[in-house]
């Protein structure tokens, strides 16, 4: 399961318990939470930890970071980045029975990071006259996301392990960040087992599929679904896989 819980929501503090209960309700073996910060997510964290014996806090001390909850032992956790190019991309190696599996949890950079102000272009995109400006900003964000996806691709090629890549990728299927990952041999679970449009992000008139779960040839995808929820501007995405 992957879910961006929108930590910047003014009502986030009041929503923490409900978010945690939704996570537990979905009963996923592994949960990546995007936009997580230990200092401001104490209630959410304490509830979810009660159901998950293994936790990686490798990205949880960043003001808008990530955390992984797992029912499988976590062998190692590390950030994937290079000098002068910080990311919110993490490798987690888990032990599934006697098999080491690899999860790459990511929150690729948002187009908003390149706008004149936070969410500025999101508000204005409904105005047709602002679309050229929005597209220019989107292209800048997409270029950076493609570079981030390239880091993931290069990292995957270094070691052959059963791998799932998941998270808020802030871009659409068919765009270069996603095709870069597919060039590494990954498949998009939604195209294989999803039903319908599969929007995971909603704000005003905009409903986009920005959160993705991709997997390699070591896995079969059984099902994938978007969970209806109004607790965040993103909705949870849950996939079921079996190891070949």
C-alpha atoms as a PDB file:
ATOM      1  CA  UNK A   1       0.000   0.000   0.000  1.00  0.00           C
ATOM      2  CA  UNK A   2       1.177   3.523  -0.757  1.00  0.00           C
ATOM      3  CA  UNK A   3      -0.504   6.701   0.480  1.00  0.00           C
ATOM      4  CA  UNK A   4       0.424  10.374   0.490  1.00  0.00           C
ATOM      5  CA  UNK A   5      -1.349  11.619   3.629  1.00  0.00           C
ATOM      6  CA  UNK A   6      -0.968  15.368   2.913  1.00  0.00           C
ATOM      7  CA  UNK A   7       0.899  16.539   5.998  1.00  0.00           C
ATOM      8  CA  UNK A   8       0.437  20.196   4.986  1.00  0.00           C
ATOM      9  CA  UNK A   9      -3.345  19.912   5.358  1.00  0.00           C
ATOM     10  CA  UNK A  10      -4.383  22.375   8.127  1.00  0.00           C
ATOM     11  CA  UNK A  11      -6.631  19.623   9.509  1.00  0.00           C
ATOM     12  CA  UNK A  12      -3.975  16.912   9.423  1.00  0.00           C
ATOM     13  CA  UNK A  13      -3.643  16.737  13.203  1.00  0.00           C
ATOM     14  CA  UNK A  14      -7.356  16.030  13.601  1.00  0.00           C
ATOM     15  CA  UNK A  15      -7.297  13.447  10.799  1.00  0.00           C
ATOM     16  CA  UNK A  16      -4.384  11.371  12.080  1.00  0.00           C
ATOM     17  CA  UNK A  17      -6.453   8.777  13.918  1.00  0.00           C
ATOM     18  CA  UNK A  18      -8.783   8.241  10.959  1.00  0.00           C
ATOM     19  CA  UNK A  19      -5.822   7.953   8.574  1.00  0.00           C
ATOM     20  CA  UNK A  20      -4.178   5.375  10.824  1.00  0.00           C
ATOM     21  CA  UNK A  21      -7.399   3.400  11.098  1.00  0.00           C
ATOM     22  CA  UNK A  22      -7.774   3.389   7.301  1.00  0.00           C
ATOM     23  CA  UNK A  23      -4.231   2.056   6.931  1.00  0.00           C
ATOM     24  CA  UNK A  24      -4.897  -0.759   9.380  1.00  0.00           C
ATOM     25  CA  UNK A  25      -8.256  -1.515   7.754  1.00  0.00           C
ATOM     26  CA  UNK A  26      -6.588  -2.190   4.398  1.00  0.00           C
ATOM     27  CA  UNK A  27      -4.472  -4.891   6.066  1.00  0.00           C
ATOM     28  CA  UNK A  28      -1.517  -4.549   3.691  1.00  0.00           C
ATOM     29  CA  UNK A  29       1.688  -6.380   4.584  1.00  0.00           C
ATOM     30  CA  UNK A  30       3.798  -3.353   3.676  1.00  0.00           C
ATOM     31  CA  UNK A  31       2.753   0.309   3.806  1.00  0.00           C
ATOM     32  CA  UNK A  32       4.673   3.304   2.434  1.00  0.00           C
ATOM     33  CA  UNK A  33       3.415   6.616   3.819  1.00  0.00           C
ATOM     34  CA  UNK A  34       4.434   9.708   1.846  1.00  0.00           C
ATOM     35  CA  UNK A  35       4.465  13.149   3.506  1.00  0.00           C
ATOM     36  CA  UNK A  36       5.249  11.899   6.960  1.00  0.00           C
ATOM     37  CA  UNK A  37       7.149  13.620   9.776  1.00  0.00           C
ATOM     38  CA  UNK A  38       7.652  11.874  13.106  1.00  0.00           C
ATOM     39  CA  UNK A  39       7.356  15.048  15.164  1.00  0.00           C
ATOM     40  CA  UNK A  40       3.927  15.956  13.799  1.00  0.00           C
ATOM     41  CA  UNK A  41       2.551  12.460  13.131  1.00  0.00           C
ATOM     42  CA  UNK A  42       2.846  10.996  16.622  1.00  0.00           C
ATOM     43  CA  UNK A  43      -0.735   9.757  16.918  1.00  0.00           C
ATOM     44  CA  UNK A  44      -0.801   8.250  13.430  1.00  0.00           C
ATOM     45  CA  UNK A  45       2.547   6.549  14.030  1.00  0.00           C
ATOM     46  CA  UNK A  46       1.652   5.073  17.403  1.00  0.00           C
ATOM     47  CA  UNK A  47      -1.580   3.521  16.095  1.00  0.00           C
ATOM     48  CA  UNK A  48      -0.041   2.048  12.950  1.00  0.00           C
ATOM     49  CA  UNK A  49       2.969   0.657  14.818  1.00  0.00           C
ATOM     50  CA  UNK A  50       0.577  -1.407  16.921  1.00  0.00           C
ATOM     51  CA  UNK A  51      -0.186  -3.455  13.796  1.00  0.00           C
ATOM     52  CA  UNK A  52       3.275  -3.519  12.219  1.00  0.00           C
ATOM     53  CA  UNK A  53       6.270  -4.999  14.049  1.00  0.00           C
ATOM     54  CA  UNK A  54       8.902  -3.607  11.674  1.00  0.00           C
ATOM     55  CA  UNK A  55       9.331   0.087  10.836  1.00  0.00           C
ATOM     56  CA  UNK A  56      11.922   2.002   8.844  1.00  0.00           C
ATOM     57  CA  UNK A  57      12.263   5.639   9.843  1.00  0.00           C
ATOM     58  CA  UNK A  58      15.007   6.359   7.300  1.00  0.00           C
ATOM     59  CA  UNK A  59      12.990   9.236   5.808  1.00  0.00           C
ATOM     60  CA  UNK A  60      10.701  10.060   8.698  1.00  0.00           C
ATOM     61  CA  UNK A  61      12.715  12.899  10.211  1.00  0.00           C
ATOM     62  CA  UNK A  62      12.473  15.018   7.080  1.00  0.00           C
ATOM     63  CA  UNK A  63       9.767  17.665   7.379  1.00  0.00           C
ATOM     64  CA  UNK A  64       7.890  16.088   4.468  1.00  0.00           C
ATOM     65  CA  UNK A  65       9.436  12.637   4.366  1.00  0.00           C
ATOM     66  CA  UNK A  66       8.387   9.016   4.249  1.00  0.00           C
ATOM     67  CA  UNK A  67       8.052   5.996   6.524  1.00  0.00           C
ATOM     68  CA  UNK A  68       7.704   2.274   5.857  1.00  0.00           C
ATOM     69  CA  UNK A  69       5.633  -0.105   8.001  1.00  0.00           C
ATOM     70  CA  UNK A  70       6.152  -3.815   7.399  1.00  0.00           C
ATOM     71  CA  UNK A  71       5.084  -7.224   8.637  1.00  0.00           C
ATOM     72  CA  UNK A  72       8.298  -8.621   7.190  1.00  0.00           C
ATOM     73  CA  UNK A  73      11.713  -8.061   8.811  1.00  0.00           C
ATOM     74  CA  UNK A  74      13.519  -5.049   7.344  1.00  0.00           C
ATOM     75  CA  UNK A  75      17.122  -6.007   6.593  1.00  0.00           C
ATOM     76  CA  UNK A  76      18.301  -2.574   5.479  1.00  0.00           C
ATOM     77  CA  UNK A  77      17.114   0.895   4.515  1.00  0.00           C
ATOM     78  CA  UNK A  78      18.937   3.658   2.664  1.00  0.00           C
ATOM     79  CA  UNK A  79      18.305   6.762   0.637  1.00  0.00           C
ATOM     80  CA  UNK A  80      19.083   6.673  -3.104  1.00  0.00           C
ATOM     81  CA  UNK A  81      20.652   9.961  -4.157  1.00  0.00           C
ATOM     82  CA  UNK A  82      23.844  11.474  -5.441  1.00  0.00           C
ATOM     83  CA  UNK A  83      25.930  14.464  -4.448  1.00  0.00           C
ATOM     84  CA  UNK A  84      24.102  17.717  -5.129  1.00  0.00           C
ATOM     85  CA  UNK A  85      20.927  15.855  -6.056  1.00  0.00           C
ATOM     86  CA  UNK A  86      18.814  15.180  -2.937  1.00  0.00           C
ATOM     87  CA  UNK A  87      15.791  12.921  -3.254  1.00  0.00           C
ATOM     88  CA  UNK A  88      12.947  11.309  -1.360  1.00  0.00           C
ATOM     89  CA  UNK A  89      13.781   7.872  -2.770  1.00  0.00           C
ATOM     90  CA  UNK A  90      14.573   4.945  -0.492  1.00  0.00           C
ATOM     91  CA  UNK A  91      15.589   1.325  -0.876  1.00  0.00           C
ATOM     92  CA  UNK A  92      14.188  -1.143   1.637  1.00  0.00           C
ATOM     93  CA  UNK A  93      15.331  -4.752   1.690  1.00  0.00           C
ATOM     94  CA  UNK A  94      12.860  -7.068   3.397  1.00  0.00           C
ATOM     95  CA  UNK A  95      12.988 -10.748   4.284  1.00  0.00           C
ATOM     96  CA  UNK A  96      10.012 -12.684   2.910  1.00  0.00           C
ATOM     97  CA  UNK A  97      10.401 -16.203   4.265  1.00  0.00           C
ATOM     98  CA  UNK A  98      13.999 -16.934   3.168  1.00  0.00           C
ATOM     99  CA  UNK A  99      13.938 -14.559   0.199  1.00  0.00           C
ATOM    100  CA  UNK A 100      15.279 -11.010   0.198  1.00  0.00           C
ATOM    101  CA  UNK A 101      12.937  -8.687  -1.662  1.00  0.00           C
ATOM    102  CA  UNK A 102      13.443  -5.032  -2.508  1.00  0.00           C
ATOM    103  CA  UNK A 103      11.035  -2.138  -2.257  1.00  0.00           C
ATOM    104  CA  UNK A 104      11.848   1.262  -3.687  1.00  0.00           C
ATOM    105  CA  UNK A 105       9.683   3.849  -1.973  1.00  0.00           C
ATOM    106  CA  UNK A 106       9.620   7.239  -3.610  1.00  0.00           C
ATOM    107  CA  UNK A 107       8.040  10.653  -3.594  1.00  0.00           C
ATOM    108  CA  UNK A 108       9.235  12.275  -6.810  1.00  0.00           C
ATOM    109  CA  UNK A 109       9.466  16.048  -6.873  1.00  0.00           C
ATOM    110  CA  UNK A 110       6.219  17.975  -7.303  1.00  0.00           C
ATOM    111  CA  UNK A 111       5.540  20.398 -10.123  1.00  0.00           C
ATOM    112  CA  UNK A 112       4.544  22.826  -7.363  1.00  0.00           C
ATOM    113  CA  UNK A 113       8.206  23.036  -6.362  1.00  0.00           C
ATOM    114  CA  UNK A 114       8.845  24.904  -9.605  1.00  0.00           C
ATOM    115  CA  UNK A 115       5.887  27.300  -9.442  1.00  0.00           C
ATOM    116  CA  UNK A 116       5.840  30.903  -8.287  1.00  0.00           C
ATOM    117  CA  UNK A 117       4.238  29.861  -5.019  1.00  0.00           C
ATOM    118  CA  UNK A 118       3.071  26.674  -3.372  1.00  0.00           C
ATOM    119  CA  UNK A 119       0.160  25.276  -5.380  1.00  0.00           C
ATOM    120  CA  UNK A 120      -0.009  28.547  -7.381  1.00  0.00           C
ATOM    121  CA  UNK A 121      -0.330  26.841 -10.748  1.00  0.00           C
ATOM    122  CA  UNK A 122      -2.763  24.244  -9.407  1.00  0.00           C
ATOM    123  CA  UNK A 123      -5.217  26.985  -8.525  1.00  0.00           C
ATOM    124  CA  UNK A 124      -4.753  28.814 -11.804  1.00  0.00           C
ATOM    125  CA  UNK A 125      -4.836  25.886 -14.219  1.00  0.00           C
ATOM    126  CA  UNK A 126      -8.645  26.085 -14.425  1.00  0.00           C
ATOM    127  CA  UNK A 127      -8.177  29.438 -16.152  1.00  0.00           C
ATOM    128  CA  UNK A 128      -7.422  28.620 -19.786  1.00  0.00           C
ATOM    129  CA  UNK A 129      -5.109  31.628 -20.087  1.00  0.00           C
ATOM    130  CA  UNK A 130      -2.776  30.142 -17.468  1.00  0.00           C
ATOM    131  CA  UNK A 131      -2.318  26.768 -19.195  1.00  0.00           C
ATOM    132  CA  UNK A 132       0.848  27.745 -21.142  1.00  0.00           C
ATOM    133  CA  UNK A 133       2.483  28.956 -17.926  1.00  0.00           C
ATOM    134  CA  UNK A 134       1.404  25.812 -16.128  1.00  0.00           C
ATOM    135  CA  UNK A 135       2.804  23.604 -18.887  1.00  0.00           C
ATOM    136  CA  UNK A 136       6.173  25.381 -18.703  1.00  0.00           C
ATOM    137  CA  UNK A 137       6.309  24.695 -14.967  1.00  0.00           C
ATOM    138  CA  UNK A 138       5.193  21.100 -15.491  1.00  0.00           C
ATOM    139  CA  UNK A 139       8.018  20.520 -17.987  1.00  0.00           C
ATOM    140  CA  UNK A 140      10.594  21.686 -15.419  1.00  0.00           C
ATOM    141  CA  UNK A 141       9.161  19.325 -12.844  1.00  0.00           C
ATOM    142  CA  UNK A 142       8.991  16.445 -15.312  1.00  0.00           C
ATOM    143  CA  UNK A 143      12.656  16.895 -16.222  1.00  0.00           C
ATOM    144  CA  UNK A 144      13.658  16.597 -12.569  1.00  0.00           C
ATOM    145  CA  UNK A 145      11.358  13.608 -12.007  1.00  0.00           C
ATOM    146  CA  UNK A 146      12.868  11.892 -15.047  1.00  0.00           C
ATOM    147  CA  UNK A 147      16.326  12.364 -13.538  1.00  0.00           C
ATOM    148  CA  UNK A 148      15.064  10.897 -10.256  1.00  0.00           C
ATOM    149  CA  UNK A 149      13.573   7.935 -12.115  1.00  0.00           C
ATOM    150  CA  UNK A 150      16.937   7.494 -13.816  1.00  0.00           C
ATOM    151  CA  UNK A 151      18.575   7.127 -10.404  1.00  0.00           C
ATOM    152  CA  UNK A 152      16.077   4.399  -9.545  1.00  0.00           C
ATOM    153  CA  UNK A 153      16.616   2.639 -12.888  1.00  0.00           C
ATOM    154  CA  UNK A 154      20.393   2.664 -12.522  1.00  0.00           C
ATOM    155  CA  UNK A 155      20.136   1.392  -8.952  1.00  0.00           C
ATOM    156  CA  UNK A 156      17.840  -1.479  -9.925  1.00  0.00           C
ATOM    157  CA  UNK A 157      20.236  -2.663 -12.610  1.00  0.00           C
ATOM    158  CA  UNK A 158      23.009  -3.113 -10.038  1.00  0.00           C
ATOM    159  CA  UNK A 159      21.364  -6.105  -8.327  1.00  0.00           C
ATOM    160  CA  UNK A 160      18.801  -8.702  -9.383  1.00  0.00           C
ATOM    161  CA  UNK A 161      16.210  -8.932  -6.608  1.00  0.00           C
ATOM    162  CA  UNK A 162      12.416  -9.249  -6.638  1.00  0.00           C
ATOM    163  CA  UNK A 163      11.467  -5.574  -6.743  1.00  0.00           C
ATOM    164  CA  UNK A 164       8.430  -3.363  -6.309  1.00  0.00           C
ATOM    165  CA  UNK A 165       8.605   0.409  -6.812  1.00  0.00           C
ATOM    166  CA  UNK A 166       5.813   2.449  -5.277  1.00  0.00           C
ATOM    167  CA  UNK A 167       4.871   5.939  -4.168  1.00  0.00           C
ATOM    168  CA  UNK A 168       3.665   9.369  -5.199  1.00  0.00           C
ATOM    169  CA  UNK A 169       5.439   9.914  -8.515  1.00  0.00           C
ATOM    170  CA  UNK A 170       3.688  13.204  -9.317  1.00  0.00           C
ATOM    171  CA  UNK A 171       3.333  12.282 -12.980  1.00  0.00           C
ATOM    172  CA  UNK A 172       1.205  10.351 -15.414  1.00  0.00           C
ATOM    173  CA  UNK A 173       1.559   6.986 -17.123  1.00  0.00           C
ATOM    174  CA  UNK A 174       3.265   7.412 -20.484  1.00  0.00           C
ATOM    175  CA  UNK A 175       5.351  10.369 -19.329  1.00  0.00           C
ATOM    176  CA  UNK A 176       9.144  10.089 -19.206  1.00  0.00           C
ATOM    177  CA  UNK A 177       9.481   9.464 -15.429  1.00  0.00           C
ATOM    178  CA  UNK A 178       7.268   6.369 -15.746  1.00  0.00           C
ATOM    179  CA  UNK A 179       8.698   5.186 -19.057  1.00  0.00           C
ATOM    180  CA  UNK A 180      12.204   5.494 -17.597  1.00  0.00           C
ATOM    181  CA  UNK A 181      11.195   3.012 -14.897  1.00  0.00           C
ATOM    182  CA  UNK A 182       9.527   0.746 -17.438  1.00  0.00           C
ATOM    183  CA  UNK A 183      12.782   0.750 -19.416  1.00  0.00           C
ATOM    184  CA  UNK A 184      14.296  -1.039 -16.411  1.00  0.00           C
ATOM    185  CA  UNK A 185      11.838  -3.901 -16.946  1.00  0.00           C
ATOM    186  CA  UNK A 186       9.079  -2.764 -14.600  1.00  0.00           C
ATOM    187  CA  UNK A 187       5.357  -3.021 -15.288  1.00  0.00           C
ATOM    188  CA  UNK A 188       2.638  -0.704 -14.006  1.00  0.00           C
ATOM    189  CA  UNK A 189       0.256  -2.770 -11.860  1.00  0.00           C
ATOM    190  CA  UNK A 190      -2.698  -0.589 -12.821  1.00  0.00           C
ATOM    191  CA  UNK A 191      -2.387  -1.370 -16.511  1.00  0.00           C
ATOM    192  CA  UNK A 192      -2.235  -5.070 -15.706  1.00  0.00           C
ATOM    193  CA  UNK A 193      -5.026  -5.428 -13.129  1.00  0.00           C
ATOM    194  CA  UNK A 194      -6.589  -2.016 -12.543  1.00  0.00           C
ATOM    195  CA  UNK A 195     -10.178  -1.171 -13.392  1.00  0.00           C
ATOM    196  CA  UNK A 196     -11.131   2.245 -14.769  1.00  0.00           C
ATOM    197  CA  UNK A 197      -9.303   5.549 -14.648  1.00  0.00           C
ATOM    198  CA  UNK A 198      -7.695   4.926 -11.271  1.00  0.00           C
ATOM    199  CA  UNK A 199      -7.278   8.542 -10.147  1.00  0.00           C
ATOM    200  CA  UNK A 200      -5.352   8.792  -6.889  1.00  0.00           C
ATOM    201  CA  UNK A 201      -5.083  12.601  -6.638  1.00  0.00           C
ATOM    202  CA  UNK A 202      -8.056  14.923  -6.378  1.00  0.00           C
ATOM    203  CA  UNK A 203      -8.191  18.687  -5.986  1.00  0.00           C
ATOM    204  CA  UNK A 204     -11.082  20.692  -7.330  1.00  0.00           C
ATOM    205  CA  UNK A 205     -11.757  19.638 -10.912  1.00  0.00           C
ATOM    206  CA  UNK A 206      -8.499  17.723 -11.185  1.00  0.00           C
ATOM    207  CA  UNK A 207      -8.478  13.942 -10.763  1.00  0.00           C
ATOM    208  CA  UNK A 208      -5.174  12.359 -11.797  1.00  0.00           C
ATOM    209  CA  UNK A 209      -3.392   9.046 -11.307  1.00  0.00           C
ATOM    210  CA  UNK A 210      -0.141  10.258  -9.754  1.00  0.00           C
ATOM    211  CA  UNK A 211       0.545   7.370  -7.371  1.00  0.00           C
ATOM    212  CA  UNK A 212       1.846   4.158  -8.881  1.00  0.00           C
ATOM    213  CA  UNK A 213       2.980   0.653  -8.040  1.00  0.00           C
ATOM    214  CA  UNK A 214       5.385  -0.984 -10.495  1.00  0.00           C
ATOM    215  CA  UNK A 215       6.870  -4.456 -10.290  1.00  0.00           C
ATOM    216  CA  UNK A 216       9.436  -6.643 -12.027  1.00  0.00           C
ATOM    217  CA  UNK A 217       9.332 -10.112 -13.568  1.00  0.00           C
ATOM    218  CA  UNK A 218       9.804 -11.882 -10.219  1.00  0.00           C
ATOM    219  CA  UNK A 219       6.177 -11.073  -9.330  1.00  0.00           C
ATOM    220  CA  UNK A 220       2.661 -11.740 -10.515  1.00  0.00           C
ATOM    221  CA  UNK A 221       0.130  -9.012  -9.780  1.00  0.00           C
ATOM    222  CA  UNK A 222      -3.134 -10.389  -8.431  1.00  0.00           C
ATOM    223  CA  UNK A 223      -5.111  -7.172  -7.973  1.00  0.00           C
ATOM    224  CA  UNK A 224      -4.773  -3.435  -7.530  1.00  0.00           C
ATOM    225  CA  UNK A 225      -7.273  -0.882  -6.281  1.00  0.00           C
ATOM    226  CA  UNK A 226      -7.688   2.772  -5.316  1.00  0.00           C
ATOM    227  CA  UNK A 227      -9.325   3.140  -1.908  1.00  0.00           C
ATOM    228  CA  UNK A 228     -12.033   5.801  -1.733  1.00  0.00           C
ATOM    229  CA  UNK A 229     -11.043   8.317   0.951  1.00  0.00           C
ATOM    230  CA  UNK A 230     -11.396  12.052   1.583  1.00  0.00           C
ATOM    231  CA  UNK A 231      -8.769  12.144   4.353  1.00  0.00           C
ATOM    232  CA  UNK A 232      -6.046  13.466   2.023  1.00  0.00           C
ATOM    233  CA  UNK A 233      -5.728  15.026  -1.411  1.00  0.00           C
ATOM    234  CA  UNK A 234      -4.409  11.592  -2.437  1.00  0.00           C
ATOM    235  CA  UNK A 235      -6.168   8.276  -2.095  1.00  0.00           C
ATOM    236  CA  UNK A 236      -4.502   5.035  -0.997  1.00  0.00           C
ATOM    237  CA  UNK A 237      -3.316   2.636  -3.690  1.00  0.00           C
ATOM    238  CA  UNK A 238      -3.193  -1.048  -2.724  1.00  0.00           C
ATOM    239  CA  UNK A 239      -1.699  -3.903  -4.757  1.00  0.00           C
ATOM    240  CA  UNK A 240      -1.663  -7.650  -4.126  1.00  0.00           C
ATOM    241  CA  UNK A 241       1.303  -9.605  -5.490  1.00  0.00           C
ATOM    242  CA  UNK A 242       2.601 -13.138  -5.395  1.00  0.00           C
ATOM    243  CA  UNK A 243       6.241 -14.130  -5.744  1.00  0.00           C
ATOM    244  CA  UNK A 244       6.859 -16.428  -8.674  1.00  0.00           C
END
